[in-house]
Amino acid sequence: MDDSIRNELVEKIAQKISEEKIPYDDPSHEVIEYLQKYAISLGVDISNTEDLVAEAFLYLSMKNAGDVDPLTKGDQFGAGFS
């Protein structure tokens, strides 16, 4: 998937999370399934929905973290790098 398309889809999913005021610190399995169905409605292949939804939650966490450097504090976001 092209990076620009991927980024656009992540932003759309993140916008949906924000619009519906879904807490993004610990989403339930039902919320993740709901957002995966939303991603499919955007034209995302089912095999990519899990990654895009997770990336949208990470994006929102990082965006709302303030002045935290994700490269040095990535473990706070579950990014797997520090």
C-alpha atoms as a PDB file:
ATOM      1  CA  MET A   1       0.000   0.000   0.000  1.00  0.00           C
ATOM      2  CA  ASP A   2       1.316   3.429  -0.934  1.00  0.00           C
ATOM      3  CA  ASP A   3       2.461   5.488   2.087  1.00  0.00           C
ATOM      4  CA  SER A   4       0.321   8.502   1.225  1.00  0.00           C
ATOM      5  CA  ILE A   5      -2.799   6.322   0.941  1.00  0.00           C
ATOM      6  CA  ARG A   6      -1.907   4.540   4.167  1.00  0.00           C
ATOM      7  CA  ASN A   7      -1.459   7.851   5.985  1.00  0.00           C
ATOM      8  CA  GLU A   8      -4.776   9.133   4.642  1.00  0.00           C
ATOM      9  CA  LEU A   9      -6.580   6.014   5.847  1.00  0.00           C
ATOM     10  CA  VAL A  10      -4.942   6.169   9.281  1.00  0.00           C
ATOM     11  CA  GLU A  11      -6.060   9.793   9.597  1.00  0.00           C
ATOM     12  CA  LYS A  12      -9.632   8.887   8.606  1.00  0.00           C
ATOM     13  CA  ILE A  13      -9.746   6.110  11.197  1.00  0.00           C
ATOM     14  CA  ALA A  14      -8.229   8.433  13.814  1.00  0.00           C
ATOM     15  CA  GLN A  15     -10.845  11.050  12.953  1.00  0.00           C
ATOM     16  CA  LYS A  16     -13.579   8.434  13.471  1.00  0.00           C
ATOM     17  CA  ILE A  17     -12.093   7.558  16.863  1.00  0.00           C
ATOM     18  CA  SER A  18     -12.052  11.235  17.843  1.00  0.00           C
ATOM     19  CA  GLU A  19     -15.521  12.020  16.490  1.00  0.00           C
ATOM     20  CA  GLU A  20     -17.064   9.140  18.407  1.00  0.00           C
ATOM     21  CA  LYS A  21     -15.013   9.948  21.521  1.00  0.00           C
ATOM     22  CA  ILE A  22     -13.621   6.430  21.699  1.00  0.00           C
ATOM     23  CA  PRO A  23     -11.020   6.188  24.474  1.00  0.00           C
ATOM     24  CA  TYR A  24      -7.747   5.273  22.813  1.00  0.00           C
ATOM     25  CA  ASP A  25      -5.717   4.256  25.848  1.00  0.00           C
ATOM     26  CA  ASP A  26      -7.107   0.687  26.046  1.00  0.00           C
ATOM     27  CA  PRO A  27      -9.704  -0.093  23.354  1.00  0.00           C
ATOM     28  CA  SER A  28     -11.933  -3.120  23.801  1.00  0.00           C
ATOM     29  CA  HIS A  29     -12.052  -5.989  21.329  1.00  0.00           C
ATOM     30  CA  GLU A  30     -15.518  -4.819  20.203  1.00  0.00           C
ATOM     31  CA  VAL A  31     -14.219  -1.305  19.478  1.00  0.00           C
ATOM     32  CA  ILE A  32     -11.326  -2.686  17.449  1.00  0.00           C
ATOM     33  CA  GLU A  33     -13.701  -4.895  15.428  1.00  0.00           C
ATOM     34  CA  TYR A  34     -16.008  -1.903  14.849  1.00  0.00           C
ATOM     35  CA  LEU A  35     -13.103   0.187  13.561  1.00  0.00           C
ATOM     36  CA  GLN A  36     -11.862  -2.661  11.377  1.00  0.00           C
ATOM     37  CA  LYS A  37     -15.311  -2.798   9.752  1.00  0.00           C
ATOM     38  CA  TYR A  38     -15.126   0.966   9.268  1.00  0.00           C
ATOM     39  CA  ALA A  39     -11.712   0.553   7.608  1.00  0.00           C
ATOM     40  CA  ILE A  40     -13.185  -2.061   5.265  1.00  0.00           C
ATOM     41  CA  SER A  41     -15.923   0.434   4.349  1.00  0.00           C
ATOM     42  CA  LEU A  42     -13.127   2.827   3.328  1.00  0.00           C
ATOM     43  CA  GLY A  43     -11.818   0.201   0.906  1.00  0.00           C
ATOM     44  CA  VAL A  44      -9.070  -1.285   3.067  1.00  0.00           C
ATOM     45  CA  ASP A  45      -8.271  -4.923   2.386  1.00  0.00           C
ATOM     46  CA  ILE A  46      -9.282  -7.060   5.365  1.00  0.00           C
ATOM     47  CA  SER A  47      -5.684  -8.217   5.830  1.00  0.00           C
ATOM     48  CA  ASN A  48      -4.572  -4.632   6.539  1.00  0.00           C
ATOM     49  CA  THR A  49      -7.351  -3.484   8.884  1.00  0.00           C
ATOM     50  CA  GLU A  50      -5.740  -4.610  12.143  1.00  0.00           C
ATOM     51  CA  ASP A  51      -2.502  -2.754  11.420  1.00  0.00           C
ATOM     52  CA  LEU A  52      -4.246   0.433  10.297  1.00  0.00           C
ATOM     53  CA  VAL A  53      -6.528   0.551  13.335  1.00  0.00           C
ATOM     54  CA  ALA A  54      -3.556  -0.001  15.658  1.00  0.00           C
ATOM     55  CA  GLU A  55      -1.633   2.714  13.822  1.00  0.00           C
ATOM     56  CA  ALA A  56      -4.565   5.120  14.200  1.00  0.00           C
ATOM     57  CA  PHE A  57      -4.590   4.578  17.973  1.00  0.00           C
ATOM     58  CA  LEU A  58      -0.812   5.067  18.088  1.00  0.00           C
ATOM     59  CA  TYR A  59      -1.135   8.219  15.968  1.00  0.00           C
ATOM     60  CA  LEU A  60      -3.699   9.691  18.375  1.00  0.00           C
ATOM     61  CA  SER A  61      -1.629   8.759  21.420  1.00  0.00           C
ATOM     62  CA  MET A  62       1.437  10.424  19.996  1.00  0.00           C
ATOM     63  CA  LYS A  63      -0.475  13.429  18.705  1.00  0.00           C
ATOM     64  CA  ASN A  64      -2.025  14.098  22.113  1.00  0.00           C
ATOM     65  CA  ALA A  65       1.131  13.404  24.126  1.00  0.00           C
ATOM     66  CA  GLY A  66       2.450  16.937  23.891  1.00  0.00           C
ATOM     67  CA  ASP A  67       6.191  17.403  23.799  1.00  0.00           C
ATOM     68  CA  VAL A  68       7.147  13.752  24.179  1.00  0.00           C
ATOM     69  CA  ASP A  69       9.773  12.535  21.728  1.00  0.00           C
ATOM     70  CA  PRO A  70       8.485   9.221  20.310  1.00  0.00           C
ATOM     71  CA  LEU A  71      12.011   8.088  19.439  1.00  0.00           C
ATOM     72  CA  THR A  72      13.146   8.246  23.063  1.00  0.00           C
ATOM     73  CA  LYS A  73       9.788   7.479  24.719  1.00  0.00           C
ATOM     74  CA  GLY A  74       8.319   5.087  22.157  1.00  0.00           C
ATOM     75  CA  ASP A  75       7.719   2.398  24.768  1.00  0.00           C
ATOM     76  CA  GLN A  76       5.085   4.656  26.364  1.00  0.00           C
ATOM     77  CA  PHE A  77       3.043   4.303  23.193  1.00  0.00           C
ATOM     78  CA  GLY A  78       3.617   0.615  22.614  1.00  0.00           C
ATOM     79  CA  ALA A  79       5.623   1.473  19.548  1.00  0.00           C
ATOM     80  CA  GLY A  80       8.301  -1.077  20.322  1.00  0.00           C
ATOM     81  CA  PHE A  81      11.203   1.312  19.998  1.00  0.00           C
ATOM     82  CA  SER A  82      13.030   3.417  22.566  1.00  0.00           C
END
